Amino acid sequence: MNGGLSRAGSERRRHGAALLLAPLVGALLPTPARAGAQVEEPLIDSVRSALSAAIANSAPPKPVFDRLDDRLAYLRWLGEMSNRLRRRKADHVTRIEFLETLWYESRRAGLDAALVLGLVQVESGFRKYAISIAGARGYMQVMPFWARLIGDGEPGRLFHMQTNLRFGCVILRHYIDIEKGDLYLALGRYNGSRGRAEYPNAVFGARKAWDYKPAA
């Protein structure tokens, strides 16, 4: 009888410990994402070379401004976006590093930072280690085949913040160019759902939360 009670108590303790550890284990594992996936398409040599060159430039994400007013405008944007992102990224240093890098990579690819922030929100919910069912990785949910097509062949690098944001911005720019500036179709292509409204509308909706109009 006592042995039975002892075994039952032991089972309850193990079950309780498992419940306590579950959130910790979950925090250490990559988080699934709801996003779709880019479709691998053949690239002509000139496009492949151009995309590879765009990825390979390893300049650090530190902007340089010729005018003081431009630098002040950037710092105001950074402060405002940091406030908006605080509940999703609590650590100040991590948050600022992410925003600096996203701004830099967006500008480098000729993209609106608010659009890229909206895309990251929809794709990964700002989770660095998010993985979709299709295997897309990181903040901008980049498919591993891109590492083989235009990178160094190491898909694990897609979890590196700047690498992921660079790949994502370069790929989105590529799709916008293919679609002759049509953001609706380019976003659908990015998500692997070209022609469907759900994903572009979700990104456009999320973008509104990151629009920034400096005070006059």
C-alpha atoms as a PDB file:
ATOM      1  CA  MET A   1       0.000   0.000   0.000  1.00  0.00           C
ATOM      2  CA  ASN A   2       2.700   2.448   1.045  1.00  0.00           C
ATOM      3  CA  GLY A   3       4.705   1.417  -1.996  1.00  0.00           C
ATOM      4  CA  GLY A   4       1.748   2.237  -4.216  1.00  0.00           C
ATOM      5  CA  LEU A   5       1.332   5.659  -2.611  1.00  0.00           C
ATOM      6  CA  SER A   6       5.050   6.285  -2.963  1.00  0.00           C
ATOM      7  CA  ARG A   7       4.977   5.434  -6.654  1.00  0.00           C
ATOM      8  CA  ALA A   8       1.931   7.650  -7.190  1.00  0.00           C
ATOM      9  CA  GLY A   9       3.606  10.521  -5.378  1.00  0.00           C
ATOM     10  CA  SER A  10       6.716  10.039  -7.440  1.00  0.00           C
ATOM     11  CA  GLU A  11       4.662  10.138 -10.651  1.00  0.00           C
ATOM     12  CA  ARG A  12       2.964  13.354  -9.528  1.00  0.00           C
ATOM     13  CA  ARG A  13       6.320  14.946  -8.731  1.00  0.00           C
ATOM     14  CA  ARG A  14       7.718  13.982 -12.134  1.00  0.00           C
ATOM     15  CA  HIS A  15       4.598  15.299 -13.832  1.00  0.00           C
ATOM     16  CA  GLY A  16       4.838  18.559 -11.898  1.00  0.00           C
ATOM     17  CA  ALA A  17       8.502  18.945 -12.772  1.00  0.00           C
ATOM     18  CA  ALA A  18       7.727  18.334 -16.437  1.00  0.00           C
ATOM     19  CA  LEU A  19       5.098  21.075 -16.367  1.00  0.00           C
ATOM     20  CA  LEU A  20       7.570  23.487 -14.791  1.00  0.00           C
ATOM     21  CA  LEU A  21      10.309  22.660 -17.286  1.00  0.00           C
ATOM     22  CA  ALA A  22       8.091  22.738 -20.378  1.00  0.00           C
ATOM     23  CA  PRO A  23       8.143  26.537 -20.813  1.00  0.00           C
ATOM     24  CA  LEU A  24      11.923  26.589 -20.377  1.00  0.00           C
ATOM     25  CA  VAL A  25      12.458  23.843 -22.923  1.00  0.00           C
ATOM     26  CA  GLY A  26      10.032  25.523 -25.310  1.00  0.00           C
ATOM     27  CA  ALA A  27      11.941  28.791 -25.047  1.00  0.00           C
ATOM     28  CA  LEU A  28      15.119  27.042 -26.116  1.00  0.00           C
ATOM     29  CA  LEU A  29      13.605  25.355 -29.163  1.00  0.00           C
ATOM     30  CA  PRO A  30      12.940  27.077 -32.500  1.00  0.00           C
ATOM     31  CA  THR A  31       9.405  28.453 -32.599  1.00  0.00           C
ATOM     32  CA  PRO A  32       7.132  27.365 -35.454  1.00  0.00           C
ATOM     33  CA  ALA A  33       5.962  30.171 -37.699  1.00  0.00           C
ATOM     34  CA  ARG A  34       2.665  30.576 -39.533  1.00  0.00           C
ATOM     35  CA  ALA A  35       4.275  31.841 -42.735  1.00  0.00           C
ATOM     36  CA  GLY A  36       4.358  30.152 -46.108  1.00  0.00           C
ATOM     37  CA  ALA A  37       7.490  29.734 -48.170  1.00  0.00           C
ATOM     38  CA  GLN A  38       9.190  31.124 -51.225  1.00  0.00           C
ATOM     39  CA  VAL A  39       9.108  28.759 -54.183  1.00  0.00           C
ATOM     40  CA  GLU A  40      12.452  27.785 -55.689  1.00  0.00           C
ATOM     41  CA  GLU A  41      12.610  29.078 -59.232  1.00  0.00           C
ATOM     42  CA  PRO A  42      15.419  28.845 -61.796  1.00  0.00           C
ATOM     43  CA  LEU A  43      17.666  31.915 -61.889  1.00  0.00           C
ATOM     44  CA  ILE A  44      19.548  33.020 -64.966  1.00  0.00           C
ATOM     45  CA  ASP A  45      23.271  33.453 -64.380  1.00  0.00           C
ATOM     46  CA  SER A  46      23.205  37.247 -64.400  1.00  0.00           C
ATOM     47  CA  VAL A  47      20.444  37.360 -61.765  1.00  0.00           C
ATOM     48  CA  ARG A  48      22.154  34.735 -59.638  1.00  0.00           C
ATOM     49  CA  SER A  49      25.419  36.685 -59.790  1.00  0.00           C
ATOM     50  CA  ALA A  50      23.716  39.956 -58.905  1.00  0.00           C
ATOM     51  CA  LEU A  51      21.876  38.417 -55.955  1.00  0.00           C
ATOM     52  CA  SER A  52      25.021  36.657 -54.739  1.00  0.00           C
ATOM     53  CA  ALA A  53      26.932  39.943 -54.869  1.00  0.00           C
ATOM     54  CA  ALA A  54      24.164  41.699 -52.966  1.00  0.00           C
ATOM     55  CA  ILE A  55      24.302  39.066 -50.235  1.00  0.00           C
ATOM     56  CA  ALA A  56      28.097  38.877 -50.063  1.00  0.00           C
ATOM     57  CA  ASN A  57      28.746  42.539 -49.211  1.00  0.00           C
ATOM     58  CA  SER A  58      29.392  42.321 -45.486  1.00  0.00           C
ATOM     59  CA  ALA A  59      29.285  46.011 -44.608  1.00  0.00           C
ATOM     60  CA  PRO A  60      28.238  46.539 -40.978  1.00  0.00           C
ATOM     61  CA  PRO A  61      24.753  47.961 -40.429  1.00  0.00           C
ATOM     62  CA  LYS A  62      25.942  51.412 -39.362  1.00  0.00           C
ATOM     63  CA  PRO A  63      24.450  54.291 -41.340  1.00  0.00           C
ATOM     64  CA  VAL A  64      26.533  57.284 -42.374  1.00  0.00           C
ATOM     65  CA  PHE A  65      24.843  60.659 -42.816  1.00  0.00           C
ATOM     66  CA  ASP A  66      26.129  63.701 -44.650  1.00  0.00           C
ATOM     67  CA  ARG A  67      23.635  66.010 -42.968  1.00  0.00           C
ATOM     68  CA  LEU A  68      22.962  66.419 -39.257  1.00  0.00           C
ATOM     69  CA  ASP A  69      19.224  66.723 -39.915  1.00  0.00           C
ATOM     70  CA  ASP A  70      19.212  63.284 -41.564  1.00  0.00           C
ATOM     71  CA  ARG A  71      20.995  61.736 -38.605  1.00  0.00           C
ATOM     72  CA  LEU A  72      18.573  63.354 -36.143  1.00  0.00           C
ATOM     73  CA  ALA A  73      15.607  62.109 -38.180  1.00  0.00           C
ATOM     74  CA  TYR A  74      17.045  58.583 -38.088  1.00  0.00           C
ATOM     75  CA  LEU A  75      17.571  58.741 -34.318  1.00  0.00           C
ATOM     76  CA  ARG A  76      13.994  59.930 -33.816  1.00  0.00           C
ATOM     77  CA  TRP A  77      12.750  57.029 -35.966  1.00  0.00           C
ATOM     78  CA  LEU A  78      14.907  54.616 -33.960  1.00  0.00           C
ATOM     79  CA  GLY A  79      13.542  55.894 -30.654  1.00  0.00           C
ATOM     80  CA  GLU A  80       9.919  55.722 -31.809  1.00  0.00           C
ATOM     81  CA  MET A  81      10.257  52.224 -33.283  1.00  0.00           C
ATOM     82  CA  SER A  82      12.010  51.039 -30.125  1.00  0.00           C
ATOM     83  CA  ASN A  83       9.013  52.175 -28.068  1.00  0.00           C
ATOM     84  CA  ARG A  84       6.611  50.358 -30.388  1.00  0.00           C
ATOM     85  CA  LEU A  85       8.668  47.167 -30.374  1.00  0.00           C
ATOM     86  CA  ARG A  86       9.280  47.046 -26.612  1.00  0.00           C
ATOM     87  CA  ARG A  87       6.531  44.577 -25.768  1.00  0.00           C
ATOM     88  CA  ARG A  88       7.827  42.146 -28.402  1.00  0.00           C
ATOM     89  CA  LYS A  89      11.519  42.569 -27.607  1.00  0.00           C
ATOM     90  CA  ALA A  90      12.048  43.510 -23.985  1.00  0.00           C
ATOM     91  CA  ASP A  91      15.845  43.776 -24.003  1.00  0.00           C
ATOM     92  CA  HIS A  92      16.856  47.304 -25.038  1.00  0.00           C
ATOM     93  CA  VAL A  93      20.214  46.397 -26.594  1.00  0.00           C
ATOM     94  CA  THR A  94      18.714  43.542 -28.649  1.00  0.00           C
ATOM     95  CA  ARG A  95      15.848  45.755 -29.767  1.00  0.00           C
ATOM     96  CA  ILE A  96      18.092  48.601 -30.921  1.00  0.00           C
ATOM     97  CA  GLU A  97      20.488  46.235 -32.686  1.00  0.00           C
ATOM     98  CA  PHE A  98      17.568  44.641 -34.539  1.00  0.00           C
ATOM     99  CA  LEU A  99      16.089  47.998 -35.596  1.00  0.00           C
ATOM    100  CA  GLU A 100      19.451  49.407 -36.691  1.00  0.00           C
ATOM    101  CA  THR A 101      20.064  46.339 -38.828  1.00  0.00           C
ATOM    102  CA  LEU A 102      16.565  46.264 -40.294  1.00  0.00           C
ATOM    103  CA  TRP A 103      16.728  49.963 -41.204  1.00  0.00           C
ATOM    104  CA  TYR A 104      20.140  49.504 -42.809  1.00  0.00           C
ATOM    105  CA  GLU A 105      19.184  46.412 -44.824  1.00  0.00           C
ATOM    106  CA  SER A 106      15.854  47.934 -45.889  1.00  0.00           C
ATOM    107  CA  ARG A 107      17.562  51.071 -47.181  1.00  0.00           C
ATOM    108  CA  ARG A 108      20.302  49.049 -48.826  1.00  0.00           C
ATOM    109  CA  ALA A 109      17.674  47.096 -50.795  1.00  0.00           C
ATOM    110  CA  GLY A 110      15.569  50.172 -51.588  1.00  0.00           C
ATOM    111  CA  LEU A 111      12.693  49.093 -49.369  1.00  0.00           C
ATOM    112  CA  ASP A 112      10.461  50.946 -46.933  1.00  0.00           C
ATOM    113  CA  ALA A 113      11.422  50.003 -43.373  1.00  0.00           C
ATOM    114  CA  ALA A 114       7.750  50.001 -42.305  1.00  0.00           C
ATOM    115  CA  LEU A 115       6.972  47.443 -45.006  1.00  0.00           C
ATOM    116  CA  VAL A 116       9.821  45.199 -43.853  1.00  0.00           C
ATOM    117  CA  LEU A 117       8.734  45.517 -40.218  1.00  0.00           C
ATOM    118  CA  GLY A 118       5.197  44.561 -41.239  1.00  0.00           C
ATOM    119  CA  LEU A 119       6.521  41.573 -43.163  1.00  0.00           C
ATOM    120  CA  VAL A 120       8.631  40.416 -40.197  1.00  0.00           C
ATOM    121  CA  GLN A 121       5.601  40.741 -37.924  1.00  0.00           C
ATOM    122  CA  VAL A 122       3.475  38.557 -40.204  1.00  0.00           C
ATOM    123  CA  GLU A 123       6.218  36.071 -41.095  1.00  0.00           C
ATOM    124  CA  SER A 124       7.768  35.354 -37.703  1.00  0.00           C
ATOM    125  CA  GLY A 125       6.200  37.581 -35.062  1.00  0.00           C
ATOM    126  CA  PHE A 126       9.717  39.024 -34.520  1.00  0.00           C
ATOM    127  CA  ARG A 127      11.077  35.629 -33.429  1.00  0.00           C
ATOM    128  CA  LYS A 128      14.695  35.157 -34.413  1.00  0.00           C
ATOM    129  CA  TYR A 129      14.575  31.354 -34.397  1.00  0.00           C
ATOM    130  CA  ALA A 130      11.127  30.854 -35.917  1.00  0.00           C
ATOM    131  CA  ILE A 131      10.785  27.918 -38.337  1.00  0.00           C
ATOM    132  CA  SER A 132       7.762  27.382 -40.587  1.00  0.00           C
ATOM    133  CA  ILE A 133       6.290  23.992 -41.441  1.00  0.00           C
ATOM    134  CA  ALA A 134       7.935  24.357 -44.856  1.00  0.00           C
ATOM    135  CA  GLY A 135      11.327  24.968 -43.208  1.00  0.00           C
ATOM    136  CA  ALA A 136      11.616  28.748 -43.725  1.00  0.00           C
ATOM    137  CA  ARG A 137      13.874  30.302 -41.118  1.00  0.00           C
ATOM    138  CA  GLY A 138      14.325  33.333 -38.957  1.00  0.00           C
ATOM    139  CA  TYR A 139      12.843  36.811 -38.823  1.00  0.00           C
ATOM    140  CA  MET A 140      12.013  37.025 -42.532  1.00  0.00           C
ATOM    141  CA  GLN A 141      11.355  33.297 -42.997  1.00  0.00           C
ATOM    142  CA  VAL A 142      13.968  32.644 -45.658  1.00  0.00           C
ATOM    143  CA  MET A 143      13.894  29.210 -47.273  1.00  0.00           C
ATOM    144  CA  PRO A 144      17.146  27.202 -46.962  1.00  0.00           C
ATOM    145  CA  PHE A 145      17.488  26.760 -50.733  1.00  0.00           C
ATOM    146  CA  TRP A 146      18.487  30.439 -50.967  1.00  0.00           C
ATOM    147  CA  ALA A 147      21.665  29.662 -49.035  1.00  0.00           C
ATOM    148  CA  ARG A 148      22.565  27.203 -51.787  1.00  0.00           C
ATOM    149  CA  LEU A 149      21.506  29.429 -54.688  1.00  0.00           C
ATOM    150  CA  ILE A 150      23.110  32.721 -53.696  1.00  0.00           C
ATOM    151  CA  GLY A 151      24.835  32.178 -50.349  1.00  0.00           C
ATOM    152  CA  ASP A 152      27.585  30.011 -48.948  1.00  0.00           C
ATOM    153  CA  GLY A 153      25.454  26.864 -48.769  1.00  0.00           C
ATOM    154  CA  GLU A 154      25.107  27.005 -44.966  1.00  0.00           C
ATOM    155  CA  PRO A 155      21.385  27.313 -44.112  1.00  0.00           C
ATOM    156  CA  GLY A 156      22.221  27.547 -40.409  1.00  0.00           C
ATOM    157  CA  ARG A 157      23.470  31.068 -41.043  1.00  0.00           C
ATOM    158  CA  LEU A 158      19.905  32.124 -41.790  1.00  0.00           C
ATOM    159  CA  PHE A 159      19.355  32.346 -38.027  1.00  0.00           C
ATOM    160  CA  HIS A 160      22.010  35.082 -37.817  1.00  0.00           C
ATOM    161  CA  MET A 161      20.153  38.380 -37.549  1.00  0.00           C
ATOM    162  CA  GLN A 162      21.908  40.457 -40.196  1.00  0.00           C
ATOM    163  CA  THR A 163      22.236  37.509 -42.570  1.00  0.00           C
ATOM    164  CA  ASN A 164      18.528  36.760 -42.324  1.00  0.00           C
ATOM    165  CA  LEU A 165      17.469  40.373 -42.790  1.00  0.00           C
ATOM    166  CA  ARG A 166      19.851  40.790 -45.694  1.00  0.00           C
ATOM    167  CA  PHE A 167      18.613  37.666 -47.475  1.00  0.00           C
ATOM    168  CA  GLY A 168      14.994  38.616 -46.842  1.00  0.00           C
ATOM    169  CA  CYS A 169      15.384  42.189 -48.101  1.00  0.00           C
ATOM    170  CA  VAL A 170      17.393  41.149 -51.171  1.00  0.00           C
ATOM    171  CA  ILE A 171      14.843  38.436 -52.030  1.00  0.00           C
ATOM    172  CA  LEU A 172      11.898  40.799 -51.592  1.00  0.00           C
ATOM    173  CA  ARG A 173      13.639  43.393 -53.778  1.00  0.00           C
ATOM    174  CA  HIS A 174      14.202  40.669 -56.391  1.00  0.00           C
ATOM    175  CA  TYR A 175      10.507  39.758 -56.368  1.00  0.00           C
ATOM    176  CA  ILE A 176       9.446  43.413 -56.617  1.00  0.00           C
ATOM    177  CA  ASP A 177      11.697  43.801 -59.651  1.00  0.00           C
ATOM    178  CA  ILE A 178      10.271  40.635 -61.237  1.00  0.00           C
ATOM    179  CA  GLU A 179       6.741  41.949 -60.671  1.00  0.00           C
ATOM    180  CA  LYS A 180       7.679  45.394 -62.061  1.00  0.00           C
ATOM    181  CA  GLY A 181       6.993  47.188 -58.798  1.00  0.00           C
ATOM    182  CA  ASP A 182       3.700  45.479 -57.979  1.00  0.00           C
ATOM    183  CA  LEU A 183       3.932  45.010 -54.203  1.00  0.00           C
ATOM    184  CA  TYR A 184       0.781  42.900 -54.059  1.00  0.00           C
ATOM    185  CA  LEU A 185       2.195  40.273 -56.418  1.00  0.00           C
ATOM    186  CA  ALA A 186       5.731  40.545 -55.022  1.00  0.00           C
ATOM    187  CA  LEU A 187       4.550  39.876 -51.469  1.00  0.00           C
ATOM    188  CA  GLY A 188       2.476  36.944 -52.676  1.00  0.00           C
ATOM    189  CA  ARG A 189       5.531  35.533 -54.421  1.00  0.00           C
ATOM    190  CA  TYR A 190       7.598  36.031 -51.266  1.00  0.00           C
ATOM    191  CA  ASN A 191       5.083  33.974 -49.311  1.00  0.00           C
ATOM    192  CA  GLY A 192       4.598  31.362 -52.012  1.00  0.00           C
ATOM    193  CA  SER A 193       0.958  32.407 -52.482  1.00  0.00           C
ATOM    194  CA  ARG A 194       1.153  34.695 -55.520  1.00  0.00           C
ATOM    195  CA  GLY A 195      -2.238  35.936 -56.635  1.00  0.00           C
ATOM    196  CA  ARG A 196      -3.959  35.335 -53.298  1.00  0.00           C
ATOM    197  CA  ALA A 197      -5.032  38.287 -51.158  1.00  0.00           C
ATOM    198  CA  GLU A 198      -4.581  36.972 -47.619  1.00  0.00           C
ATOM    199  CA  TYR A 199      -0.834  37.417 -47.242  1.00  0.00           C
ATOM    200  CA  PRO A 200      -0.341  40.810 -48.968  1.00  0.00           C
ATOM    201  CA  ASN A 201      -3.315  42.195 -47.053  1.00  0.00           C
ATOM    202  CA  ALA A 202      -1.869  40.915 -43.778  1.00  0.00           C
ATOM    203  CA  VAL A 203       1.485  42.595 -44.478  1.00  0.00           C
ATOM    204  CA  PHE A 204      -0.150  45.849 -45.588  1.00  0.00           C
ATOM    205  CA  GLY A 205      -2.246  45.780 -42.415  1.00  0.00           C
ATOM    206  CA  ALA A 206       0.757  45.141 -40.181  1.00  0.00           C
ATOM    207  CA  ARG A 207       2.722  47.861 -41.978  1.00  0.00           C
ATOM    208  CA  LYS A 208       0.339  50.507 -40.602  1.00  0.00           C
ATOM    209  CA  ALA A 209       1.614  49.861 -37.085  1.00  0.00           C
ATOM    210  CA  TRP A 210       5.148  50.798 -38.205  1.00  0.00           C
ATOM    211  CA  ASP A 211       4.445  53.828 -40.372  1.00  0.00           C
ATOM    212  CA  TYR A 212       6.356  56.840 -39.122  1.00  0.00           C
ATOM    213  CA  LYS A 213       5.680  60.459 -39.926  1.00  0.00           C
ATOM    214  CA  PRO A 214       8.181  62.773 -38.217  1.00  0.00           C
ATOM    215  CA  ALA A 215       6.783  65.821 -36.507  1.00  0.00           C
ATOM    216  CA  ALA A 216       6.884  68.948 -38.650  1.00  0.00           C
END
